[in-house]
All heavy atoms as atom14 arrays in JSON, in Angstrom:
{
  "sequence": "LIQDFDSNKENYGEVSSNPQRLNINFINEKFKGKNWLHINSIQYDATL",
  "atom14_mask": [
    [1, 1, 1, 1, 1, 1, 1, 1, 0, 0, 0, 0, 0, 0],
    [1, 1, 1, 1, 1, 1, 1, 1, 0, 0, 0, 0, 0, 0],
    [1, 1, 1, 1, 1, 1, 1, 1, 1, 0, 0, 0, 0, 0],
    [1, 1, 1, 1, 1, 1, 1, 1, 0, 0, 0, 0, 0, 0],
    [1, 1, 1, 1, 1, 1, 1, 1, 1, 1, 1, 0, 0, 0],
    [1, 1, 1, 1, 1, 1, 1, 1, 0, 0, 0, 0, 0, 0],
    [1, 1, 1, 1, 1, 1, 0, 0, 0, 0, 0, 0, 0, 0],
    [1, 1, 1, 1, 1, 1, 1, 1, 0, 0, 0, 0, 0, 0],
    [1, 1, 1, 1, 1, 1, 1, 1, 1, 0, 0, 0, 0, 0],
    [1, 1, 1, 1, 1, 1, 1, 1, 1, 0, 0, 0, 0, 0],
    [1, 1, 1, 1, 1, 1, 1, 1, 0, 0, 0, 0, 0, 0],
    [1, 1, 1, 1, 1, 1, 1, 1, 1, 1, 1, 1, 0, 0],
    [1, 1, 1, 1, 0, 0, 0, 0, 0, 0, 0, 0, 0, 0],
    [1, 1, 1, 1, 1, 1, 1, 1, 1, 0, 0, 0, 0, 0],
    [1, 1, 1, 1, 1, 1, 1, 0, 0, 0, 0, 0, 0, 0],
    [1, 1, 1, 1, 1, 1, 0, 0, 0, 0, 0, 0, 0, 0],
    [1, 1, 1, 1, 1, 1, 0, 0, 0, 0, 0, 0, 0, 0],
    [1, 1, 1, 1, 1, 1, 1, 1, 0, 0, 0, 0, 0, 0],
    [1, 1, 1, 1, 1, 1, 1, 0, 0, 0, 0, 0, 0, 0],
    [1, 1, 1, 1, 1, 1, 1, 1, 1, 0, 0, 0, 0, 0],
    [1, 1, 1, 1, 1, 1, 1, 1, 1, 1, 1, 0, 0, 0],
    [1, 1, 1, 1, 1, 1, 1, 1, 0, 0, 0, 0, 0, 0],
    [1, 1, 1, 1, 1, 1, 1, 1, 0, 0, 0, 0, 0, 0],
    [1, 1, 1, 1, 1, 1, 1, 1, 0, 0, 0, 0, 0, 0],
    [1, 1, 1, 1, 1, 1, 1, 1, 0, 0, 0, 0, 0, 0],
    [1, 1, 1, 1, 1, 1, 1, 1, 1, 1, 1, 0, 0, 0],
    [1, 1, 1, 1, 1, 1, 1, 1, 0, 0, 0, 0, 0, 0],
    [1, 1, 1, 1, 1, 1, 1, 1, 0, 0, 0, 0, 0, 0],
    [1, 1, 1, 1, 1, 1, 1, 1, 1, 0, 0, 0, 0, 0],
    [1, 1, 1, 1, 1, 1, 1, 1, 1, 0, 0, 0, 0, 0],
    [1, 1, 1, 1, 1, 1, 1, 1, 1, 1, 1, 0, 0, 0],
    [1, 1, 1, 1, 1, 1, 1, 1, 1, 0, 0, 0, 0, 0],
    [1, 1, 1, 1, 0, 0, 0, 0, 0, 0, 0, 0, 0, 0],
    [1, 1, 1, 1, 1, 1, 1, 1, 1, 0, 0, 0, 0, 0],
    [1, 1, 1, 1, 1, 1, 1, 1, 0, 0, 0, 0, 0, 0],
    [1, 1, 1, 1, 1, 1, 1, 1, 1, 1, 1, 1, 1, 1],
    [1, 1, 1, 1, 1, 1, 1, 1, 0, 0, 0, 0, 0, 0],
    [1, 1, 1, 1, 1, 1, 1, 1, 1, 1, 0, 0, 0, 0],
    [1, 1, 1, 1, 1, 1, 1, 1, 0, 0, 0, 0, 0, 0],
    [1, 1, 1, 1, 1, 1, 1, 1, 0, 0, 0, 0, 0, 0],
    [1, 1, 1, 1, 1, 1, 0, 0, 0, 0, 0, 0, 0, 0],
    [1, 1, 1, 1, 1, 1, 1, 1, 0, 0, 0, 0, 0, 0],
    [1, 1, 1, 1, 1, 1, 1, 1, 1, 0, 0, 0, 0, 0],
    [1, 1, 1, 1, 1, 1, 1, 1, 1, 1, 1, 1, 0, 0],
    [1, 1, 1, 1, 1, 1, 1, 1, 0, 0, 0, 0, 0, 0],
    [1, 1, 1, 1, 1, 0, 0, 0, 0, 0, 0, 0, 0, 0],
    [1, 1, 1, 1, 1, 1, 1, 0, 0, 0, 0, 0, 0, 0],
    [1, 1, 1, 1, 1, 1, 1, 1, 0, 0, 0, 0, 0, 0]
  ],
  "atom14_positions": [
    [[47.09, -11.44, -74.3], [46.18, -10.66, -75.26], [45.38, -11.6, -76.09], [45.78, -12.79, -76.29], [47.11, -9.82, -76.09], [47.99, -8.76, -75.45], [48.93, -8.11, -76.43], [47.19, -7.77, -74.69], [0.0, 0.0, 0.0], [0.0, 0.0, 0.0], [0.0, 0.0, 0.0], [0.0, 0.0, 0.0], [0.0, 0.0, 0.0], [0.0, 0.0, 0.0]],
    [[44.29, -11.18, -76.54], [43.47, -11.85, -77.57], [42.94, -10.78, -78.51], [42.88, -9.58, -78.17], [42.34, -12.61, -76.78], [41.61, -13.56, -77.9], [41.33, -11.74, -76.2], [40.7, -14.55, -77.23], [0.0, 0.0, 0.0], [0.0, 0.0, 0.0], [0.0, 0.0, 0.0], [0.0, 0.0, 0.0], [0.0, 0.0, 0.0], [0.0, 0.0, 0.0]],
    [[42.59, -11.26, -79.69], [42.0, -10.32, -80.66], [41.23, -11.18, -81.66], [41.46, -12.26, -82.0], [43.1, -9.49, -81.25], [44.29, -10.2, -81.91], [44.08, -10.86, -83.3], [43.29, -10.2, -84.1], [44.69, -11.91, -83.65], [0.0, 0.0, 0.0], [0.0, 0.0, 0.0], [0.0, 0.0, 0.0], [0.0, 0.0, 0.0], [0.0, 0.0, 0.0]],
    [[40.31, -10.46, -82.32], [39.52, -11.15, -83.34], [39.53, -10.38, -84.74], [38.64, -10.3, -85.5], [38.1, -11.3, -82.95], [37.37, -9.92, -82.54], [38.01, -8.82, -82.68], [36.28, -10.05, -81.96], [0.0, 0.0, 0.0], [0.0, 0.0, 0.0], [0.0, 0.0, 0.0], [0.0, 0.0, 0.0], [0.0, 0.0, 0.0], [0.0, 0.0, 0.0]],
    [[40.56, -9.58, -84.83], [40.89, -8.71, -85.96], [41.59, -9.47, -87.06], [41.25, -9.4, -88.33], [41.59, -7.47, -85.55], [42.11, -6.55, -86.78], [41.1, -5.85, -87.5], [43.39, -6.56, -87.13], [41.51, -5.14, -88.51], [43.79, -5.83, -88.16], [42.87, -5.05, -88.9], [0.0, 0.0, 0.0], [0.0, 0.0, 0.0], [0.0, 0.0, 0.0]],
    [[42.78, -10.2, -86.82], [43.54, -10.82, -87.7], [43.76, -12.24, -87.44], [44.35, -12.67, -86.47], [45.0, -10.07, -87.63], [45.89, -10.47, -88.81], [45.67, -11.54, -89.38], [46.97, -9.87, -89.06], [0.0, 0.0, 0.0], [0.0, 0.0, 0.0], [0.0, 0.0, 0.0], [0.0, 0.0, 0.0], [0.0, 0.0, 0.0], [0.0, 0.0, 0.0]],
    [[43.11, -13.04, -88.26], [43.1, -14.52, -88.0], [44.48, -15.14, -88.18], [44.68, -16.32, -87.93], [42.14, -15.21, -88.94], [42.39, -15.0, -90.34], [0.0, 0.0, 0.0], [0.0, 0.0, 0.0], [0.0, 0.0, 0.0], [0.0, 0.0, 0.0], [0.0, 0.0, 0.0], [0.0, 0.0, 0.0], [0.0, 0.0, 0.0], [0.0, 0.0, 0.0]],
    [[45.4, -14.45, -88.76], [46.8, -14.98, -89.01], [47.68, -14.92, -87.85], [48.76, -15.5, -87.78], [47.48, -14.22, -90.28], [46.68, -14.49, -91.53], [46.31, -15.6, -91.77], [46.52, -13.41, -92.28], [0.0, 0.0, 0.0], [0.0, 0.0, 0.0], [0.0, 0.0, 0.0], [0.0, 0.0, 0.0], [0.0, 0.0, 0.0], [0.0, 0.0, 0.0]],
    [[47.14, -14.24, -86.79], [47.96, -14.15, -85.61], [47.67, -15.2, -84.56], [46.55, -15.77, -84.56], [47.75, -12.8, -84.86], [48.07, -11.49, -85.73], [49.51, -11.46, -86.17], [49.81, -10.1, -86.83], [48.99, -9.84, -88.14], [0.0, 0.0, 0.0], [0.0, 0.0, 0.0], [0.0, 0.0, 0.0], [0.0, 0.0, 0.0], [0.0, 0.0, 0.0]],
    [[48.67, -15.6, -83.85], [48.53, -16.79, -82.83], [47.47, -16.42, -81.78], [46.84, -17.43, -81.27], [49.85, -17.02, -82.18], [50.88, -17.55, -83.12], [52.06, -18.05, -82.38], [52.29, -17.93, -81.17], [53.12, -18.48, -83.02], [0.0, 0.0, 0.0], [0.0, 0.0, 0.0], [0.0, 0.0, 0.0], [0.0, 0.0, 0.0], [0.0, 0.0, 0.0]],
    [[47.29, -15.22, -81.47], [46.31, -14.96, -80.35], [44.89, -14.58, -80.91], [44.14, -14.0, -80.24], [46.81, -13.79, -79.42], [46.95, -12.47, -80.31], [46.8, -12.54, -81.48], [47.33, -11.48, -79.61], [0.0, 0.0, 0.0], [0.0, 0.0, 0.0], [0.0, 0.0, 0.0], [0.0, 0.0, 0.0], [0.0, 0.0, 0.0], [0.0, 0.0, 0.0]],
    [[44.63, -15.12, -82.08], [43.24, -14.84, -82.67], [42.3, -15.67, -82.06], [42.6, -16.9, -81.68], [43.3, -15.13, -84.14], [42.0, -14.89, -84.85], [41.56, -13.7, -85.16], [41.17, -16.06, -85.1], [40.23, -13.57, -85.84], [40.0, -15.91, -85.77], [39.54, -14.66, -86.1], [38.18, -14.49, -86.75], [0.0, 0.0, 0.0], [0.0, 0.0, 0.0]],
    [[41.13, -15.11, -81.68], [40.04, -16.04, -81.05], [38.78, -15.15, -80.84], [38.76, -14.02, -81.09], [0.0, 0.0, 0.0], [0.0, 0.0, 0.0], [0.0, 0.0, 0.0], [0.0, 0.0, 0.0], [0.0, 0.0, 0.0], [0.0, 0.0, 0.0], [0.0, 0.0, 0.0], [0.0, 0.0, 0.0], [0.0, 0.0, 0.0], [0.0, 0.0, 0.0]],
    [[37.85, -15.89, -80.21], [36.64, -15.16, -79.83], [36.77, -14.45, -78.49], [36.94, -15.12, -77.45], [35.42, -16.2, -79.84], [34.09, -15.46, -79.7], [32.92, -16.54, -79.65], [33.24, -17.71, -79.9], [31.81, -16.16, -79.43], [0.0, 0.0, 0.0], [0.0, 0.0, 0.0], [0.0, 0.0, 0.0], [0.0, 0.0, 0.0], [0.0, 0.0, 0.0]],
    [[36.72, -13.26, -78.5], [36.95, -12.4, -77.32], [35.93, -12.76, -76.15], [36.27, -12.89, -75.06], [36.86, -10.91, -77.62], [36.89, -10.08, -76.39], [37.96, -10.47, -78.55], [0.0, 0.0, 0.0], [0.0, 0.0, 0.0], [0.0, 0.0, 0.0], [0.0, 0.0, 0.0], [0.0, 0.0, 0.0], [0.0, 0.0, 0.0], [0.0, 0.0, 0.0]],
    [[34.61, -12.86, -76.54], [33.57, -13.11, -75.54], [33.8, -14.51, -74.84], [33.24, -14.74, -73.68], [32.21, -13.09, -76.21], [32.06, -14.11, -77.17], [0.0, 0.0, 0.0], [0.0, 0.0, 0.0], [0.0, 0.0, 0.0], [0.0, 0.0, 0.0], [0.0, 0.0, 0.0], [0.0, 0.0, 0.0], [0.0, 0.0, 0.0], [0.0, 0.0, 0.0]],
    [[34.47, -15.44, -75.58], [34.71, -16.74, -74.91], [36.01, -16.8, -74.08], [36.33, -17.91, -73.56], [34.66, -17.87, -76.02], [33.43, -17.87, -76.71], [0.0, 0.0, 0.0], [0.0, 0.0, 0.0], [0.0, 0.0, 0.0], [0.0, 0.0, 0.0], [0.0, 0.0, 0.0], [0.0, 0.0, 0.0], [0.0, 0.0, 0.0], [0.0, 0.0, 0.0]],
    [[36.81, -15.72, -74.08], [38.05, -15.75, -73.39], [38.15, -14.6, -72.45], [39.04, -13.67, -72.69], [39.2, -15.61, -74.43], [39.25, -17.0, -75.17], [39.95, -17.9, -74.87], [38.56, -17.01, -76.44], [0.0, 0.0, 0.0], [0.0, 0.0, 0.0], [0.0, 0.0, 0.0], [0.0, 0.0, 0.0], [0.0, 0.0, 0.0], [0.0, 0.0, 0.0]],
    [[37.37, -14.49, -71.45], [37.42, -13.32, -70.51], [38.63, -13.28, -69.72], [38.96, -12.24, -69.11], [36.08, -13.52, -69.65], [35.96, -15.02, -69.71], [36.24, -15.42, -71.14], [0.0, 0.0, 0.0], [0.0, 0.0, 0.0], [0.0, 0.0, 0.0], [0.0, 0.0, 0.0], [0.0, 0.0, 0.0], [0.0, 0.0, 0.0], [0.0, 0.0, 0.0]],
    [[39.43, -14.34, -69.74], [40.65, -14.39, -69.02], [41.78, -13.67, -69.74], [42.93, -13.5, -69.19], [41.09, -15.93, -68.7], [41.67, -16.61, -70.05], [40.68, -17.09, -70.96], [39.48, -16.82, -70.89], [41.21, -17.86, -72.05], [0.0, 0.0, 0.0], [0.0, 0.0, 0.0], [0.0, 0.0, 0.0], [0.0, 0.0, 0.0], [0.0, 0.0, 0.0]],
    [[41.51, -13.15, -70.96], [42.56, -12.48, -71.64], [42.13, -11.04, -72.02], [40.97, -10.72, -71.92], [42.81, -13.22, -73.01], [43.64, -14.49, -72.69], [44.1, -15.26, -73.93], [45.18, -16.13, -73.61], [46.43, -15.89, -73.87], [46.84, -14.85, -74.48], [47.34, -16.82, -73.58], [0.0, 0.0, 0.0], [0.0, 0.0, 0.0], [0.0, 0.0, 0.0]],
    [[43.15, -10.17, -72.37], [42.88, -8.76, -72.65], [42.74, -8.5, -74.1], [43.66, -8.83, -74.94], [43.97, -7.99, -72.0], [44.06, -6.51, -72.28], [42.88, -5.82, -71.68], [45.42, -5.95, -71.77], [0.0, 0.0, 0.0], [0.0, 0.0, 0.0], [0.0, 0.0, 0.0], [0.0, 0.0, 0.0], [0.0, 0.0, 0.0], [0.0, 0.0, 0.0]],
    [[41.64, -8.08, -74.52], [41.42, -7.75, -75.98], [42.24, -6.41, -76.33], [41.96, -5.3, -75.89], [39.88, -7.33, -76.16], [39.57, -7.01, -77.65], [40.48, -7.12, -78.52], [38.18, -6.66, -77.93], [0.0, 0.0, 0.0], [0.0, 0.0, 0.0], [0.0, 0.0, 0.0], [0.0, 0.0, 0.0], [0.0, 0.0, 0.0], [0.0, 0.0, 0.0]],
    [[43.21, -6.65, -77.1], [44.09, -5.55, -77.58], [43.42, -4.49, -78.41], [43.89, -3.35, -78.56], [45.38, -6.13, -78.28], [46.45, -5.07, -78.43], [44.98, -6.64, -79.7], [47.7, -5.46, -78.88], [0.0, 0.0, 0.0], [0.0, 0.0, 0.0], [0.0, 0.0, 0.0], [0.0, 0.0, 0.0], [0.0, 0.0, 0.0], [0.0, 0.0, 0.0]],
    [[42.23, -4.77, -78.87], [41.5, -3.85, -79.76], [40.36, -3.15, -79.1], [39.58, -2.45, -79.7], [41.11, -4.49, -81.0], [42.28, -4.78, -82.05], [43.15, -3.93, -82.2], [42.38, -5.99, -82.52], [0.0, 0.0, 0.0], [0.0, 0.0, 0.0], [0.0, 0.0, 0.0], [0.0, 0.0, 0.0], [0.0, 0.0, 0.0], [0.0, 0.0, 0.0]],
    [[40.22, -3.38, -77.82], [39.19, -2.71, -76.99], [39.85, -1.44, -76.48], [40.73, -1.52, -75.78], [38.51, -3.56, -75.93], [37.46, -2.79, -75.14], [36.17, -2.55, -75.68], [37.86, -2.18, -73.96], [35.34, -1.81, -74.96], [36.86, -1.53, -73.25], [35.58, -1.23, -73.68], [0.0, 0.0, 0.0], [0.0, 0.0, 0.0], [0.0, 0.0, 0.0]],
    [[39.31, -0.29, -76.88], [39.88, 0.93, -76.32], [38.75, 1.83, -75.83], [37.61, 1.78, -76.35], [40.73, 1.72, -77.26], [39.99, 2.04, -78.54], [41.94, 0.83, -77.64], [40.71, 2.95, -79.55], [0.0, 0.0, 0.0], [0.0, 0.0, 0.0], [0.0, 0.0, 0.0], [0.0, 0.0, 0.0], [0.0, 0.0, 0.0], [0.0, 0.0, 0.0]],
    [[39.02, 2.77, -74.98], [38.17, 3.83, -74.62], [38.39, 4.93, -75.71], [39.53, 5.34, -75.84], [38.6, 4.31, -73.19], [37.56, 5.36, -72.68], [37.18, 6.26, -73.5], [37.28, 5.42, -71.39], [0.0, 0.0, 0.0], [0.0, 0.0, 0.0], [0.0, 0.0, 0.0], [0.0, 0.0, 0.0], [0.0, 0.0, 0.0], [0.0, 0.0, 0.0]],
    [[37.46, 5.48, -76.31], [37.43, 6.41, -77.43], [38.21, 7.56, -76.89], [38.83, 8.31, -77.74], [36.14, 6.75, -78.0], [35.49, 5.62, -78.77], [36.28, 5.39, -80.06], [36.75, 6.31, -80.74], [36.46, 4.16, -80.44], [0.0, 0.0, 0.0], [0.0, 0.0, 0.0], [0.0, 0.0, 0.0], [0.0, 0.0, 0.0], [0.0, 0.0, 0.0]],
    [[38.13, 7.94, -75.61], [38.76, 9.15, -75.12], [40.27, 8.94, -75.02], [41.06, 9.86, -74.86], [38.16, 9.43, -73.73], [38.51, 10.8, -73.15], [37.9, 10.97, -71.85], [38.34, 12.27, -71.14], [37.75, 12.44, -69.82], [0.0, 0.0, 0.0], [0.0, 0.0, 0.0], [0.0, 0.0, 0.0], [0.0, 0.0, 0.0], [0.0, 0.0, 0.0]],
    [[40.73, 7.65, -74.96], [42.12, 7.42, -74.74], [42.67, 6.51, -75.78], [42.94, 5.32, -75.63], [42.33, 6.75, -73.4], [41.76, 7.59, -72.27], [40.56, 7.12, -71.6], [42.26, 8.76, -71.76], [40.04, 7.81, -70.66], [41.79, 9.53, -70.77], [40.61, 8.97, -70.19], [0.0, 0.0, 0.0], [0.0, 0.0, 0.0], [0.0, 0.0, 0.0]],
    [[42.93, 6.99, -77.0], [43.29, 6.21, -78.24], [44.86, 6.08, -78.33], [45.27, 5.32, -79.23], [42.79, 6.84, -79.47], [41.28, 6.66, -79.66], [40.8, 7.28, -80.89], [39.33, 7.07, -81.18], [38.79, 7.6, -82.54], [0.0, 0.0, 0.0], [0.0, 0.0, 0.0], [0.0, 0.0, 0.0], [0.0, 0.0, 0.0], [0.0, 0.0, 0.0]],
    [[45.64, 6.77, -77.56], [47.02, 6.78, -77.75], [47.76, 5.6, -77.25], [47.26, 4.52, -76.89], [0.0, 0.0, 0.0], [0.0, 0.0, 0.0], [0.0, 0.0, 0.0], [0.0, 0.0, 0.0], [0.0, 0.0, 0.0], [0.0, 0.0, 0.0], [0.0, 0.0, 0.0], [0.0, 0.0, 0.0], [0.0, 0.0, 0.0], [0.0, 0.0, 0.0]],
    [[49.07, 5.81, -77.0], [49.88, 4.67, -76.49], [49.44, 4.15, -75.09], [49.41, 3.09, -74.7], [51.41, 5.1, -76.36], [51.94, 5.41, -77.74], [53.45, 5.91, -77.6], [54.36, 4.74, -77.24], [55.74, 5.1, -77.3], [0.0, 0.0, 0.0], [0.0, 0.0, 0.0], [0.0, 0.0, 0.0], [0.0, 0.0, 0.0], [0.0, 0.0, 0.0]],
    [[48.92, 5.2, -74.27], [48.44, 5.04, -72.99], [47.05, 4.46, -72.94], [46.14, 5.1, -72.32], [48.6, 6.35, -72.09], [48.16, 6.14, -70.76], [48.21, 5.08, -70.18], [47.76, 7.27, -70.04], [0.0, 0.0, 0.0], [0.0, 0.0, 0.0], [0.0, 0.0, 0.0], [0.0, 0.0, 0.0], [0.0, 0.0, 0.0], [0.0, 0.0, 0.0]],
    [[46.76, 3.39, -73.63], [45.43, 2.82, -73.79], [44.84, 2.16, -72.41], [43.71, 2.03, -72.31], [45.38, 1.92, -74.99], [46.15, 0.6, -74.75], [47.5, 0.5, -74.69], [45.76, -0.73, -74.83], [47.83, -0.83, -74.57], [46.75, -1.62, -74.66], [44.39, -1.3, -74.93], [46.6, -3.09, -74.57], [44.24, -2.66, -74.89], [45.36, -3.51, -74.77]],
    [[45.76, 1.66, -71.61], [45.38, 0.89, -70.35], [45.42, 1.79, -69.08], [44.44, 1.88, -68.47], [46.25, -0.27, -70.15], [46.21, -1.35, -71.3], [47.25, -2.39, -70.94], [44.83, -1.92, -71.32], [0.0, 0.0, 0.0], [0.0, 0.0, 0.0], [0.0, 0.0, 0.0], [0.0, 0.0, 0.0], [0.0, 0.0, 0.0], [0.0, 0.0, 0.0]],
    [[46.44, 2.55, -69.03], [46.58, 3.55, -67.87], [46.3, 2.66, -66.51], [45.3, 2.97, -65.82], [45.79, 4.7, -67.88], [46.08, 5.77, -66.87], [46.62, 7.02, -67.29], [46.03, 5.76, -65.57], [46.89, 7.7, -66.17], [46.47, 7.06, -65.11], [0.0, 0.0, 0.0], [0.0, 0.0, 0.0], [0.0, 0.0, 0.0], [0.0, 0.0, 0.0]],
    [[47.15, 1.8, -66.18], [47.09, 1.08, -64.92], [47.49, 1.96, -63.83], [48.64, 2.66, -63.93], [47.97, -0.15, -64.84], [47.73, -1.01, -66.16], [47.74, -0.97, -63.56], [46.35, -1.58, -66.2], [0.0, 0.0, 0.0], [0.0, 0.0, 0.0], [0.0, 0.0, 0.0], [0.0, 0.0, 0.0], [0.0, 0.0, 0.0], [0.0, 0.0, 0.0]],
    [[46.6, 2.22, -62.81], [46.97, 3.22, -61.76], [47.18, 2.7, -60.36], [47.45, 3.44, -59.52], [45.83, 4.46, -61.78], [44.51, 3.76, -61.51], [44.35, 2.71, -60.91], [43.5, 4.46, -62.03], [0.0, 0.0, 0.0], [0.0, 0.0, 0.0], [0.0, 0.0, 0.0], [0.0, 0.0, 0.0], [0.0, 0.0, 0.0], [0.0, 0.0, 0.0]],
    [[46.97, 1.35, -60.18], [47.23, 0.89, -58.81], [47.57, -0.62, -58.91], [47.04, -1.33, -59.83], [46.12, 1.15, -57.9], [45.01, 0.31, -58.1], [0.0, 0.0, 0.0], [0.0, 0.0, 0.0], [0.0, 0.0, 0.0], [0.0, 0.0, 0.0], [0.0, 0.0, 0.0], [0.0, 0.0, 0.0], [0.0, 0.0, 0.0], [0.0, 0.0, 0.0]],
    [[48.37, -1.11, -57.91], [48.61, -2.46, -57.79], [48.51, -2.82, -56.29], [49.16, -2.13, -55.49], [49.91, -2.94, -58.43], [50.26, -4.41, -58.06], [51.1, -2.08, -57.86], [51.54, -4.93, -58.74], [0.0, 0.0, 0.0], [0.0, 0.0, 0.0], [0.0, 0.0, 0.0], [0.0, 0.0, 0.0], [0.0, 0.0, 0.0], [0.0, 0.0, 0.0]],
    [[47.66, -3.71, -55.86], [47.5, -4.13, -54.52], [47.68, -5.76, -54.37], [47.49, -6.41, -55.44], [46.16, -3.64, -54.04], [46.07, -2.18, -54.01], [46.82, -1.48, -53.01], [46.48, -1.54, -51.75], [47.8, -0.69, -53.36], [0.0, 0.0, 0.0], [0.0, 0.0, 0.0], [0.0, 0.0, 0.0], [0.0, 0.0, 0.0], [0.0, 0.0, 0.0]],
    [[47.83, -6.2, -53.2], [48.19, -7.59, -53.04], [47.51, -8.12, -51.78], [47.48, -7.46, -50.76], [49.77, -7.83, -52.85], [50.18, -9.17, -52.59], [50.12, -10.25, -53.57], [50.61, -9.41, -51.29], [50.53, -11.47, -53.26], [51.16, -10.79, -51.06], [51.02, -11.77, -51.93], [51.4, -13.04, -51.72], [0.0, 0.0, 0.0], [0.0, 0.0, 0.0]],
    [[47.04, -9.38, -51.93], [46.41, -10.08, -50.8], [47.3, -11.37, -50.52], [47.38, -12.3, -51.39], [44.9, -10.49, -51.12], [44.31, -11.21, -49.85], [43.81, -10.48, -49.04], [44.35, -12.43, -49.85], [0.0, 0.0, 0.0], [0.0, 0.0, 0.0], [0.0, 0.0, 0.0], [0.0, 0.0, 0.0], [0.0, 0.0, 0.0], [0.0, 0.0, 0.0]],
    [[47.9, -11.36, -49.34], [48.82, -12.47, -48.96], [48.11, -13.8, -48.69], [48.59, -14.79, -49.03], [49.65, -12.03, -47.76], [0.0, 0.0, 0.0], [0.0, 0.0, 0.0], [0.0, 0.0, 0.0], [0.0, 0.0, 0.0], [0.0, 0.0, 0.0], [0.0, 0.0, 0.0], [0.0, 0.0, 0.0], [0.0, 0.0, 0.0], [0.0, 0.0, 0.0]],
    [[46.83, -13.68, -48.21], [46.17, -14.95, -47.94], [45.81, -15.73, -49.18], [46.05, -17.02, -49.23], [44.84, -14.67, -47.17], [45.06, -13.94, -45.99], [44.04, -15.96, -46.8], [0.0, 0.0, 0.0], [0.0, 0.0, 0.0], [0.0, 0.0, 0.0], [0.0, 0.0, 0.0], [0.0, 0.0, 0.0], [0.0, 0.0, 0.0], [0.0, 0.0, 0.0]],
    [[45.38, -15.06, -50.24], [45.05, -15.69, -51.48], [46.29, -15.66, -52.43], [46.18, -16.4, -53.41], [43.99, -14.8, -52.18], [42.63, -14.75, -51.45], [41.72, -13.83, -52.22], [41.95, -16.13, -51.3], [0.0, 0.0, 0.0], [0.0, 0.0, 0.0], [0.0, 0.0, 0.0], [0.0, 0.0, 0.0], [0.0, 0.0, 0.0], [0.0, 0.0, 0.0]]
  ]
}
């Protein structure tokens, strides 16, 4: 995770410079509850 809300937290940083991490404060306005991510599939490539 990364966030630019609270500078006292260890994962504080510039979101735009860290695309490898998930911004915990980016949400879809339609889905504000606990289910903010709703992961719906996982697939795997053996070659890579």
